[in-house]
Amino acid sequence: MEPVAIGHPEADLKGADFPNVATVRAVFEGVDRLVEEALHSFDRLNGVYVWTHPRKGWKANVNQSCLLLHPITHEFHHKG
C-alpha cells in the first residue's frame, strides 16, 4: 500500500480483527506510538500539501497539524 504521512502503510483493519478488548487496546497503543513518532518527525505543522486517498484516489489539502489531531480526537471519540 501507499505510505501515509510518516511512511507507514495504511492499516487494513476489519471488525473481525478485534475478538476482544485486549486486541483493541493493542491497536490503540500502536496508534499512540505512530502519533508519538509523528510528533518527533513533523517539522512543518502548518505547511499544506496534497494527500491522495490510497484506495479511492480522491485528493485533499492537509497539513501535519490535522494529521496529528485526527487520530487523537478519533481515539478519544471511541474511548469516550
Protein backbone atom coordinates (compact mmCIF):
# COMPACT_ATOMS: atom_id res chain seq x y z
CA MET A 1 0.00 0.00 0.00
CA GLU A 2 0.98 3.62 -0.49
CA PRO A 3 2.72 5.16 2.55
CA VAL A 4 0.71 7.68 4.53
CA ALA A 5 2.25 10.78 6.18
CA ILE A 6 5.27 9.35 8.03
CA GLY A 7 5.85 6.49 5.63
CA HIS A 8 3.89 3.69 7.28
CA PRO A 9 1.36 1.79 5.19
CA GLU A 10 -2.31 2.30 5.97
CA ALA A 11 -3.70 -0.45 8.19
CA ASP A 12 -6.48 -2.50 6.63
CA LEU A 13 -8.44 -3.38 9.78
CA LYS A 14 -11.77 -5.20 9.89
CA GLY A 15 -14.15 -5.80 12.80
CA ALA A 16 -13.18 -9.47 12.86
CA ASP A 17 -9.60 -8.41 13.67
CA PHE A 18 -10.79 -7.45 17.17
CA PRO A 19 -12.06 -10.54 19.01
CA ASN A 20 -11.55 -8.98 22.45
CA VAL A 21 -10.78 -5.79 24.34
CA ALA A 22 -7.09 -6.66 24.66
CA THR A 23 -6.77 -6.64 20.87
CA VAL A 24 -8.45 -3.24 20.62
CA ARG A 25 -6.13 -1.85 23.31
CA ALA A 26 -3.10 -3.19 21.42
CA VAL A 27 -4.21 -1.33 18.27
CA PHE A 28 -4.76 1.89 20.27
CA GLU A 29 -1.21 1.50 21.67
CA GLY A 30 0.10 1.15 18.12
CA VAL A 31 -1.69 4.34 17.09
CA ASP A 32 -0.23 6.10 20.13
CA ARG A 33 3.28 5.05 19.01
CA LEU A 34 2.65 6.40 15.50
CA VAL A 35 1.39 9.73 16.87
CA GLU A 36 4.48 9.94 19.10
CA GLU A 37 6.71 9.26 16.07
CA ALA A 38 4.88 11.95 14.09
CA LEU A 39 5.30 14.46 16.93
CA HIS A 40 9.05 13.95 16.74
CA SER A 41 9.35 13.94 12.95
CA PHE A 42 6.88 16.55 11.67
CA ASP A 43 8.61 19.86 11.06
CA ARG A 44 6.04 21.90 9.06
CA LEU A 45 2.87 21.68 11.15
CA ASN A 46 1.01 24.30 9.14
CA GLY A 47 2.51 23.57 5.72
CA VAL A 48 -0.25 22.44 3.35
CA TYR A 49 0.27 19.59 0.95
CA VAL A 50 -1.94 17.38 -1.21
CA TRP A 51 -2.76 13.91 0.12
CA THR A 52 -4.22 11.25 -2.17
CA HIS A 53 -6.53 8.63 -0.70
CA PRO A 54 -4.69 5.34 -1.25
CA ARG A 55 -7.71 3.30 -2.39
CA LYS A 56 -10.23 5.78 -3.74
CA GLY A 57 -7.85 8.26 -5.37
CA TRP A 58 -9.53 11.48 -4.21
CA LYS A 59 -7.27 14.30 -3.08
CA ALA A 60 -7.37 16.58 -0.05
CA ASN A 61 -5.29 19.51 1.15
CA VAL A 62 -3.95 18.61 4.58
CA ASN A 63 -1.32 19.83 7.00
CA GLN A 64 0.67 17.98 9.61
CA SER A 65 -1.37 19.51 12.44
CA CYS A 66 -4.53 17.85 11.08
CA LEU A 67 -2.70 14.55 10.69
CA LEU A 68 -1.75 14.71 14.37
CA LEU A 69 -5.13 15.81 15.66
CA HIS A 70 -7.22 13.32 13.68
CA PRO A 71 -6.08 10.11 15.46
CA ILE A 72 -6.11 11.85 18.85
CA THR A 73 -9.70 13.05 18.51
CA HIS A 74 -10.81 9.81 16.84
CA GLU A 75 -9.34 7.69 19.65
CA PHE A 76 -10.93 9.95 22.26
CA HIS A 77 -14.27 9.53 20.45
CA HIS A 78 -14.01 5.75 20.75
CA LYS A 79 -12.73 5.69 24.32
CA GLY A 80 -15.38 8.22 25.39
